[in-house]
PDB file of N, CA and C in Angstrom:
ATOM      1  N   MET A   1     197.288  61.933-134.678  1.00  0.00           N
ATOM      2  CA  MET A   1     197.740  60.568-134.674  1.00  0.00           C
ATOM      3  C   MET A   1     197.180  59.837-135.886  1.00  0.00           C
ATOM      4  N   ARG A   2     198.005  59.020-136.398  1.00  0.00           N
ATOM      5  CA  ARG A   2     197.569  58.207-137.514  1.00  0.00           C
ATOM      6  C   ARG A   2     196.889  56.945-137.024  1.00  0.00           C
ATOM      7  N   LYS A   3     196.119  56.380-137.919  1.00  0.00           N
ATOM      8  CA  LYS A   3     195.446  55.138-137.599  1.00  0.00           C
ATOM      9  C   LYS A   3     196.494  54.054-137.356  1.00  0.00           C
ATOM     10  N   GLY A   4     196.312  53.339-136.239  1.00  0.00           N
ATOM     11  CA  GLY A   4     197.274  52.288-135.922  1.00  0.00           C
ATOM     12  C   GLY A   4     198.273  52.713-134.874  1.00  0.00           C
ATOM     13  N   ASP A   5     198.378  54.023-134.577  1.00  0.00           N
ATOM     14  CA  ASP A   5     199.265  54.487-133.514  1.00  0.00           C
ATOM     15  C   ASP A   5     198.568  54.268-132.176  1.00  0.00           C
ATOM     16  N   ASN A   6     199.084  53.405-131.373  1.00  0.00           N
ATOM     17  CA  ASN A   6     198.501  53.131-130.058  1.00  0.00           C
ATOM     18  C   ASN A   6     199.453  53.629-128.981  1.00  0.00           C
ATOM     19  N   LYS A   7     199.445  54.915-128.773  1.00  0.00           N
ATOM     20  CA  LYS A   7     200.314  55.492-127.754  1.00  0.00           C
ATOM     21  C   LYS A   7     199.510  55.709-126.483  1.00  0.00           C
ATOM     22  N   MET A   8     200.079  55.271-125.386  1.00  0.00           N
ATOM     23  CA  MET A   8     199.425  55.470-124.097  1.00  0.00           C
ATOM     24  C   MET A   8     199.966  56.735-123.456  1.00  0.00           C
ATOM     25  N   VAL A   9     199.102  57.411-122.723  1.00  0.00           N
ATOM     26  CA  VAL A   9     199.522  58.585-121.977  1.00  0.00           C
ATOM     27  C   VAL A   9     200.134  58.100-120.679  1.00  0.00           C
ATOM     28  N   GLU A  10     201.302  58.601-120.367  1.00  0.00           N
ATOM     29  CA  GLU A  10     201.977  58.197-119.139  1.00  0.00           C
ATOM     30  C   GLU A  10     201.838  59.304-118.108  1.00  0.00           C
ATOM     31  N   PHE A  11     201.469  58.903-116.899  1.00  0.00           N
ATOM     32  CA  PHE A  11     201.327  59.858-115.811  1.00  0.00           C
ATOM     33  C   PHE A  11     202.429  59.629-114.800  1.00  0.00           C
ATOM     34  N   SER A  12     202.783  60.682-114.090  1.00  0.00           N
ATOM     35  CA  SER A  12     203.803  60.548-113.060  1.00  0.00           C
ATOM     36  C   SER A  12     203.218  59.804-111.862  1.00  0.00           C
ATOM     37  N   PRO A  13     204.066  59.205-111.054  1.00  0.00           N
ATOM     38  CA  PRO A  13     203.573  58.480-109.868  1.00  0.00           C
ATOM     39  C   PRO A  13     202.787  59.383-108.906  1.00  0.00           C
ATOM     40  N   GLU A  14     203.153  60.654-108.850  1.00  0.00           N
ATOM     41  CA  GLU A  14     202.435  61.573-107.963  1.00  0.00           C
ATOM     42  C   GLU A  14     200.988  61.760-108.419  1.00  0.00           C
ATOM     43  N   VAL A  15     200.785  61.864-109.730  1.00  0.00           N
ATOM     44  CA  VAL A  15     199.431  62.028-110.261  1.00  0.00           C
ATOM     45  C   VAL A  15     198.615  60.760-110.015  1.00  0.00           C
ATOM     46  N   ILE A  16     199.219  59.622-110.250  1.00  0.00           N
ATOM     47  CA  ILE A  16     198.523  58.354-110.027  1.00  0.00           C
ATOM     48  C   ILE A  16     198.137  58.213-108.559  1.00  0.00           C
ATOM     49  N   ASP A  17     199.053  58.529-107.638  1.00  0.00           N
ATOM     50  CA  ASP A  17     198.756  58.442-106.210  1.00  0.00           C
ATOM     51  C   ASP A  17     197.637  59.395-105.822  1.00  0.00           C
ATOM     52  N   THR A  18     197.630  60.586-106.397  1.00  0.00           N
ATOM     53  CA  THR A  18     196.583  61.560-106.093  1.00  0.00           C
ATOM     54  C   THR A  18     195.224  61.075-106.584  1.00  0.00           C
ATOM     55  N   VAL A  19     195.183  60.511-107.762  1.00  0.00           N
ATOM     56  CA  VAL A  19     193.915  60.006-108.301  1.00  0.00           C
ATOM     57  C   VAL A  19     193.406  58.834-107.467  1.00  0.00           C
ATOM     58  N   ILE A  20     194.292  57.931-107.080  1.00  0.00           N
ATOM     59  CA  ILE A  20     193.894  56.792-106.254  1.00  0.00           C
ATOM     60  C   ILE A  20     193.397  57.268-104.895  1.00  0.00           C
ATOM     61  N   ARG A  21     194.075  58.229-104.292  1.00  0.00           N
ATOM     62  CA  ARG A  21     193.658  58.769-102.989  1.00  0.00           C
ATOM     63  C   ARG A  21     192.287  59.447-103.105  1.00  0.00           C
ATOM     64  N   ALA A  22     192.085  60.215-104.168  1.00  0.00           N
ATOM     65  CA  ALA A  22     190.798  60.888-104.363  1.00  0.00           C
ATOM     66  C   ALA A  22     189.677  59.872-104.550  1.00  0.00           C
ATOM     67  N   ALA A  23     189.937  58.815-105.306  1.00  0.00           N
ATOM     68  CA  ALA A  23     188.920  57.777-105.511  1.00  0.00           C
ATOM     69  C   ALA A  23     188.611  57.050-104.203  1.00  0.00           C
ATOM     70  N   ALA A  24     189.623  56.818-103.369  1.00  0.00           N
ATOM     71  CA  ALA A  24     189.403  56.152-102.085  1.00  0.00           C
ATOM     72  C   ALA A  24     188.560  57.029-101.162  1.00  0.00           C
ATOM     73  N   LEU A  25     188.844  58.321-101.126  1.00  0.00           N
ATOM     74  CA  LEU A  25     188.064  59.227-100.282  1.00  0.00           C
ATOM     75  C   LEU A  25     186.632  59.363-100.787  1.00  0.00           C
ATOM     76  N   LEU A  26     186.466  59.383-102.088  1.00  0.00           N
ATOM     77  CA  LEU A  26     185.122  59.424-102.658  1.00  0.00           C
ATOM     78  C   LEU A  26     184.352  58.146-102.324  1.00  0.00           C
ATOM     79  N   GLY A  27     185.024  57.019-102.417  1.00  0.00           N
ATOM     80  CA  GLY A  27     184.404  55.749-102.050  1.00  0.00           C
ATOM     81  C   GLY A  27     184.032  55.700-100.572  1.00  0.00           C
ATOM     82  N   ALA A  28     184.871  56.290 -99.712  1.00  0.00           N
ATOM     83  CA  ALA A  28     184.557  56.336 -98.284  1.00  0.00           C
ATOM     84  C   ALA A  28     183.315  57.189 -98.042  1.00  0.00           C
ATOM     85  N   GLY A  29     183.188  58.274 -98.764  1.00  0.00           N
ATOM     86  CA  GLY A  29     181.991  59.107 -98.642  1.00  0.00           C
ATOM     87  C   GLY A  29     180.747  58.366 -99.086  1.00  0.00           C
ATOM     88  N   PHE A  30     180.844  57.647-100.182  1.00  0.00           N
ATOM     89  CA  PHE A  30     179.701  56.854-100.650  1.00  0.00           C
ATOM     90  C   PHE A  30     179.359  55.740 -99.667  1.00  0.00           C
ATOM     91  N   ALA A  31     180.381  55.150 -99.043  1.00  0.00           N
ATOM     92  CA  ALA A  31     180.131  54.094 -98.062  1.00  0.00           C
ATOM     93  C   ALA A  31     179.372  54.645 -96.863  1.00  0.00           C
ATOM     94  N   MET A  32     179.635  55.878 -96.483  1.00  0.00           N
ATOM     95  CA  MET A  32     178.951  56.447 -95.328  1.00  0.00           C
ATOM     96  C   MET A  32     177.508  56.828 -95.633  1.00  0.00           C
ATOM     97  N   ILE A  33     177.155  56.915 -96.883  1.00  0.00           N
ATOM     98  CA  ILE A  33     175.747  57.139 -97.229  1.00  0.00           C
ATOM     99  C   ILE A  33     174.909  55.957 -96.741  1.00  0.00           C
ATOM    100  N   ALA A  34     175.542  54.790 -96.633  1.00  0.00           N
ATOM    101  CA  ALA A  34     174.834  53.609 -96.147  1.00  0.00           C
ATOM    102  C   ALA A  34     174.401  53.761 -94.695  1.00  0.00           C
ATOM    103  N   GLY A  35     174.923  54.742 -93.978  1.00  0.00           N
ATOM    104  CA  GLY A  35     174.502  54.984 -92.607  1.00  0.00           C
ATOM    105  C   GLY A  35     173.128  55.620 -92.503  1.00  0.00           C
ATOM    106  N   ILE A  36     172.622  56.140 -93.591  1.00  0.00           N
ATOM    107  CA  ILE A  36     171.307  56.791 -93.568  1.00  0.00           C
ATOM    108  C   ILE A  36     170.199  55.753 -93.383  1.00  0.00           C
ATOM    109  N   GLY A  37     170.292  54.646 -94.061  1.00  0.00           N
ATOM    110  CA  GLY A  37     169.260  53.613 -94.000  1.00  0.00           C
ATOM    111  C   GLY A  37     169.020  53.064 -92.597  1.00  0.00           C
ATOM    112  N   PRO A  38     170.091  52.627 -91.903  1.00  0.00           N
ATOM    113  CA  PRO A  38     169.869  52.136 -90.544  1.00  0.00           C
ATOM    114  C   PRO A  38     169.298  53.196 -89.607  1.00  0.00           C
ATOM    115  N   GLY A  39     169.695  54.435 -89.772  1.00  0.00           N
ATOM    116  CA  GLY A  39     169.159  55.503 -88.925  1.00  0.00           C
ATOM    117  C   GLY A  39     167.664  55.678 -89.109  1.00  0.00           C
ATOM    118  N   ILE A  40     167.240  55.685 -90.348  1.00  0.00           N
ATOM    119  CA  ILE A  40     165.804  55.815 -90.634  1.00  0.00           C
ATOM    120  C   ILE A  40     165.052  54.582 -90.133  1.00  0.00           C
ATOM    121  N   GLY A  41     165.590  53.411 -90.391  1.00  0.00           N
ATOM    122  CA  GLY A  41     164.936  52.178 -89.974  1.00  0.00           C
ATOM    123  C   GLY A  41     164.818  52.058 -88.460  1.00  0.00           C
ATOM    124  N   GLN A  42     165.862  52.446 -87.744  1.00  0.00           N
ATOM    125  CA  GLN A  42     165.817  52.350 -86.298  1.00  0.00           C
ATOM    126  C   GLN A  42     164.834  53.358 -85.705  1.00  0.00           C
ATOM    127  N   GLY A  43     164.777  54.543 -86.268  1.00  0.00           N
ATOM    128  CA  GLY A  43     163.798  55.519 -85.805  1.00  0.00           C
ATOM    129  C   GLY A  43     162.377  55.041 -86.026  1.00  0.00           C
ATOM    130  N   TYR A  44     162.138  54.456 -87.178  1.00  0.00           N
ATOM    131  CA  TYR A  44     160.813  53.924 -87.491  1.00  0.00           C
ATOM    132  C   TYR A  44     160.448  52.784 -86.538  1.00  0.00           C
ATOM    133  N   ALA A  45     161.407  51.887 -86.284  1.00  0.00           N
ATOM    134  CA  ALA A  45     161.151  50.763 -85.380  1.00  0.00           C
ATOM    135  C   ALA A  45     160.875  51.241 -83.961  1.00  0.00           C
ATOM    136  N   ALA A  46     161.625  52.222 -83.500  1.00  0.00           N
ATOM    137  CA  ALA A  46     161.408  52.749 -82.155  1.00  0.00           C
ATOM    138  C   ALA A  46     160.034  53.404 -82.050  1.00  0.00           C
ATOM    139  N   GLY A  47     159.640  54.135 -83.076  1.00  0.00           N
ATOM    140  CA  GLY A  47     158.322  54.764 -83.075  1.00  0.00           C
ATOM    141  C   GLY A  47     157.203  53.747 -83.028  1.00  0.00           C
ATOM    142  N   LYS A  48     157.342  52.691 -83.813  1.00  0.00           N
ATOM    143  CA  LYS A  48     156.320  51.639 -83.808  1.00  0.00           C
ATOM    144  C   LYS A  48     156.305  50.885 -82.478  1.00  0.00           C
ATOM    145  N   ALA A  49     157.460  50.719 -81.865  1.00  0.00           N
ATOM    146  CA  ALA A  49     157.495  50.055 -80.559  1.00  0.00           C
ATOM    147  C   ALA A  49     156.787  50.904 -79.507  1.00  0.00           C
ATOM    148  N   VAL A  50     156.978  52.210 -79.546  1.00  0.00           N
ATOM    149  CA  VAL A  50     156.285  53.101 -78.607  1.00  0.00           C
ATOM    150  C   VAL A  50     154.779  53.020 -78.818  1.00  0.00           C
ATOM    151  N   GLU A  51     154.356  52.993 -80.086  1.00  0.00           N
ATOM    152  CA  GLU A  51     152.921  52.853 -80.369  1.00  0.00           C
ATOM    153  C   GLU A  51     152.382  51.532 -79.828  1.00  0.00           C
ATOM    154  N   SER A  52     153.160  50.464 -79.979  1.00  0.00           N
ATOM    155  CA  SER A  52     152.719  49.152 -79.505  1.00  0.00           C
ATOM    156  C   SER A  52     152.624  49.104 -77.987  1.00  0.00           C
ATOM    157  N   VAL A  53     153.588  49.710 -77.308  1.00  0.00           N
ATOM    158  CA  VAL A  53     153.561  49.746 -75.847  1.00  0.00           C
ATOM    159  C   VAL A  53     152.380  50.581 -75.373  1.00  0.00           C
ATOM    160  N   ALA A  54     152.066  51.657 -76.090  1.00  0.00           N
ATOM    161  CA  ALA A  54     150.923  52.491 -75.715  1.00  0.00           C
ATOM    162  C   ALA A  54     149.615  51.717 -75.860  1.00  0.00           C
ATOM    163  N   ARG A  55     149.530  50.835 -76.846  1.00  0.00           N
ATOM    164  CA  ARG A  55     148.321  50.036 -77.047  1.00  0.00           C
ATOM    165  C   ARG A  55     148.214  48.872 -76.065  1.00  0.00           C
ATOM    166  N   ASP A  56     149.367  48.271 -75.750  1.00  0.00           N
ATOM    167  CA  ASP A  56     149.373  47.091 -74.879  1.00  0.00           C
ATOM    168  C   ASP A  56     150.546  47.191 -73.899  1.00  0.00           C
ATOM    169  N   PRO A  57     150.375  47.942 -72.794  1.00  0.00           N
ATOM    170  CA  PRO A  57     151.485  48.146 -71.853  1.00  0.00           C
ATOM    171  C   PRO A  57     152.000  46.861 -71.202  1.00  0.00           C
ATOM    172  N   GLU A  58     151.171  45.837 -71.109  1.00  0.00           N
ATOM    173  CA  GLU A  58     151.595  44.596 -70.465  1.00  0.00           C
ATOM    174  C   GLU A  58     152.626  43.825 -71.298  1.00  0.00           C
ATOM    175  N   ALA A  59     152.660  44.075 -72.596  1.00  0.00           N
ATOM    176  CA  ALA A  59     153.608  43.384 -73.473  1.00  0.00           C
ATOM    177  C   ALA A  59     154.891  44.184 -73.666  1.00  0.00           C
ATOM    178  N   ARG A  60     155.109  45.146 -72.790  1.00  0.00           N
ATOM    179  CA  ARG A  60     156.257  46.056 -72.925  1.00  0.00           C
ATOM    180  C   ARG A  60     157.591  45.307 -73.045  1.00  0.00           C
ATOM    181  N   GLY A  61     157.827  44.333 -72.198  1.00  0.00           N
ATOM    182  CA  GLY A  61     159.105  43.607 -72.207  1.00  0.00           C
ATOM    183  C   GLY A  61     159.367  42.896 -73.524  1.00  0.00           C
ATOM    184  N   ASN A  62     158.367  42.195 -74.025  1.00  0.00           N
ATOM    185  CA  ASN A  62     158.534  41.486 -75.303  1.00  0.00           C
ATOM    186  C   ASN A  62     158.733  42.452 -76.460  1.00  0.00           C
ATOM    187  N   ILE A  63     157.984  43.554 -76.433  1.00  0.00           N
ATOM    188  CA  ILE A  63     158.089  44.528 -77.527  1.00  0.00           C
ATOM    189  C   ILE A  63     159.471  45.152 -77.549  1.00  0.00           C
ATOM    190  N   ILE A  64     159.966  45.567 -76.398  1.00  0.00           N
ATOM    191  CA  ILE A  64     161.279  46.225 -76.344  1.00  0.00           C
ATOM    192  C   ILE A  64     162.394  45.242 -76.700  1.00  0.00           C
ATOM    193  N   THR A  65     162.281  44.009 -76.239  1.00  0.00           N
ATOM    194  CA  THR A  65     163.299  43.003 -76.583  1.00  0.00           C
ATOM    195  C   THR A  65     163.350  42.771 -78.090  1.00  0.00           C
ATOM    196  N   THR A  66     162.201  42.627 -78.702  1.00  0.00           N
ATOM    197  CA  THR A  66     162.146  42.419 -80.153  1.00  0.00           C
ATOM    198  C   THR A  66     162.661  43.640 -80.902  1.00  0.00           C
ATOM    199  N   MET A  67     162.311  44.846 -80.429  1.00  0.00           N
ATOM    200  CA  MET A  67     162.777  46.073 -81.080  1.00  0.00           C
ATOM    201  C   MET A  67     164.298  46.180 -81.012  1.00  0.00           C
ATOM    202  N   LEU A  68     164.865  45.919 -79.831  1.00  0.00           N
ATOM    203  CA  LEU A  68     166.320  46.033 -79.684  1.00  0.00           C
ATOM    204  C   LEU A  68     167.060  45.001 -80.528  1.00  0.00           C
ATOM    205  N   LEU A  69     166.518  43.813 -80.645  1.00  0.00           N
ATOM    206  CA  LEU A  69     167.134  42.792 -81.501  1.00  0.00           C
ATOM    207  C   LEU A  69     167.105  43.234 -82.964  1.00  0.00           C
ATOM    208  N   GLY A  70     165.971  43.757 -83.389  1.00  0.00           N
ATOM    209  CA  GLY A  70     165.868  44.254 -84.763  1.00  0.00           C
ATOM    210  C   GLY A  70     166.785  45.431 -85.029  1.00  0.00           C
ATOM    211  N   GLN A  71     166.922  46.317 -84.046  1.00  0.00           N
ATOM    212  CA  GLN A  71     167.803  47.457 -84.238  1.00  0.00           C
ATOM    213  C   GLN A  71     169.267  47.032 -84.285  1.00  0.00           C
ATOM    214  N   ALA A  72     169.630  46.025 -83.520  1.00  0.00           N
ATOM    215  CA  ALA A  72     171.008  45.521 -83.570  1.00  0.00           C
ATOM    216  C   ALA A  72     171.333  44.953 -84.942  1.00  0.00           C
ATOM    217  N   VAL A  73     170.386  44.225 -85.520  1.00  0.00           N
ATOM    218  CA  VAL A  73     170.595  43.667 -86.861  1.00  0.00           C
ATOM    219  C   VAL A  73     170.676  44.798 -87.893  1.00  0.00           C
ATOM    220  N   ALA A  74     169.815  45.793 -87.761  1.00  0.00           N
ATOM    221  CA  ALA A  74     169.819  46.907 -88.716  1.00  0.00           C
ATOM    222  C   ALA A  74     171.102  47.728 -88.605  1.00  0.00           C
ATOM    223  N   GLU A  75     171.621  47.872 -87.396  1.00  0.00           N
ATOM    224  CA  GLU A  75     172.819  48.682 -87.204  1.00  0.00           C
ATOM    225  C   GLU A  75     174.062  48.025 -87.786  1.00  0.00           C
ATOM    226  N   SER A  76     174.042  46.711 -87.948  1.00  0.00           N
ATOM    227  CA  SER A  76     175.229  46.031 -88.458  1.00  0.00           C
ATOM    228  C   SER A  76     175.618  46.539 -89.850  1.00  0.00           C
ATOM    229  N   THR A  77     174.651  46.873 -90.686  1.00  0.00           N
ATOM    230  CA  THR A  77     175.006  47.392 -92.012  1.00  0.00           C
ATOM    231  C   THR A  77     175.672  48.753 -91.902  1.00  0.00           C
ATOM    232  N   GLY A  78     175.229  49.586 -90.974  1.00  0.00           N
ATOM    233  CA  GLY A  78     175.870  50.881 -90.758  1.00  0.00           C
ATOM    234  C   GLY A  78     177.292  50.723 -90.251  1.00  0.00           C
ATOM    235  N   ILE A  79     177.505  49.754 -89.375  1.00  0.00           N
ATOM    236  CA  ILE A  79     178.852  49.516 -88.839  1.00  0.00           C
ATOM    237  C   ILE A  79     179.765  48.979 -89.937  1.00  0.00           C
ATOM    238  N   TYR A  80     179.249  48.095 -90.788  1.00  0.00           N
ATOM    239  CA  TYR A  80     180.061  47.583 -91.901  1.00  0.00           C
ATOM    240  C   TYR A  80     180.485  48.715 -92.829  1.00  0.00           C
ATOM    241  N   SER A  81     179.574  49.626 -93.110  1.00  0.00           N
ATOM    242  CA  SER A  81     179.929  50.743 -93.999  1.00  0.00           C
ATOM    243  C   SER A  81     180.947  51.659 -93.334  1.00  0.00           C
ATOM    244  N   LEU A  82     180.853  51.843 -92.022  1.00  0.00           N
ATOM    245  CA  LEU A  82     181.844  52.648 -91.307  1.00  0.00           C
ATOM    246  C   LEU A  82     183.219  51.996 -91.370  1.00  0.00           C
ATOM    247  N   VAL A  83     183.265  50.692 -91.191  1.00  0.00           N
ATOM    248  CA  VAL A  83     184.545  49.975 -91.263  1.00  0.00           C
ATOM    249  C   VAL A  83     185.154  50.100 -92.656  1.00  0.00           C
ATOM    250  N   ILE A  84     184.342  49.952 -93.681  1.00  0.00           N
ATOM    251  CA  ILE A  84     184.840  50.089 -95.054  1.00  0.00           C
ATOM    252  C   ILE A  84     185.373  51.494 -95.292  1.00  0.00           C
ATOM    253  N   ALA A  85     184.657  52.506 -94.807  1.00  0.00           N
ATOM    254  CA  ALA A  85     185.107  53.887 -94.983  1.00  0.00           C
ATOM    255  C   ALA A  85     186.433  54.120 -94.265  1.00  0.00           C
ATOM    256  N   ILE A  86     186.576  53.613 -93.052  1.00  0.00           N
ATOM    257  CA  ILE A  86     187.827  53.784 -92.306  1.00  0.00           C
ATOM    258  C   ILE A  86     188.976  53.088 -93.019  1.00  0.00           C
ATOM    259  N   VAL A  87     188.725  51.892 -93.532  1.00  0.00           N
ATOM    260  CA  VAL A  87     189.771  51.170 -94.272  1.00  0.00           C
ATOM    261  C   VAL A  87     190.179  51.961 -95.511  1.00  0.00           C
ATOM    262  N   LEU A  88     189.215  52.499 -96.238  1.00  0.00           N
ATOM    263  CA  LEU A  88     189.546  53.274 -97.442  1.00  0.00           C
ATOM    264  C   LEU A  88     190.321  54.542 -97.103  1.00  0.00           C
ATOM    265  N   ILE A  89     189.997  55.176 -96.000  1.00  0.00           N
ATOM    266  CA  ILE A  89     190.663  56.439 -95.653  1.00  0.00           C
ATOM    267  C   ILE A  89     192.096  56.192 -95.181  1.00  0.00           C
ATOM    268  N   PHE A  90     192.291  55.200 -94.316  1.00  0.00           N
ATOM    269  CA  PHE A  90     193.586  55.067 -93.659  1.00  0.00           C
ATOM    270  C   PHE A  90     194.541  54.058 -94.267  1.00  0.00           C
ATOM    271  N   THR A  91     194.119  53.267 -95.231  1.00  0.00           N
ATOM    272  CA  THR A  91     195.071  52.302 -95.814  1.00  0.00           C
ATOM    273  C   THR A  91     195.632  52.759 -97.148  1.00  0.00           C
ATOM    274  N   ILE A  92     194.999  53.749 -97.751  1.00  0.00           N
ATOM    275  CA  ILE A  92     195.514  54.182 -99.060  1.00  0.00           C
ATOM    276  C   ILE A  92     196.219  55.495 -98.921  1.00  0.00           C
TER     277      ILE A  92
END
């Protein structure tokens, strides 16, 4: 090509659709990686709650209530990533 020739490569619609589908599936996989964080965090919180109950059994109700509230908040990010992955898989 000579300098100044600005020719674009044209792809067929099938190739474009395949590339878009592959990118959407890859994005869905990356979105599901976000499920690792809440899993680790919830396991850690549950372990610490068990340790706290073992140290102070009388505070069991307050400890478990606080742990479950924290786990619900932590799980919301995992659910959001699942929703994004489902949208990417089934809408494209």
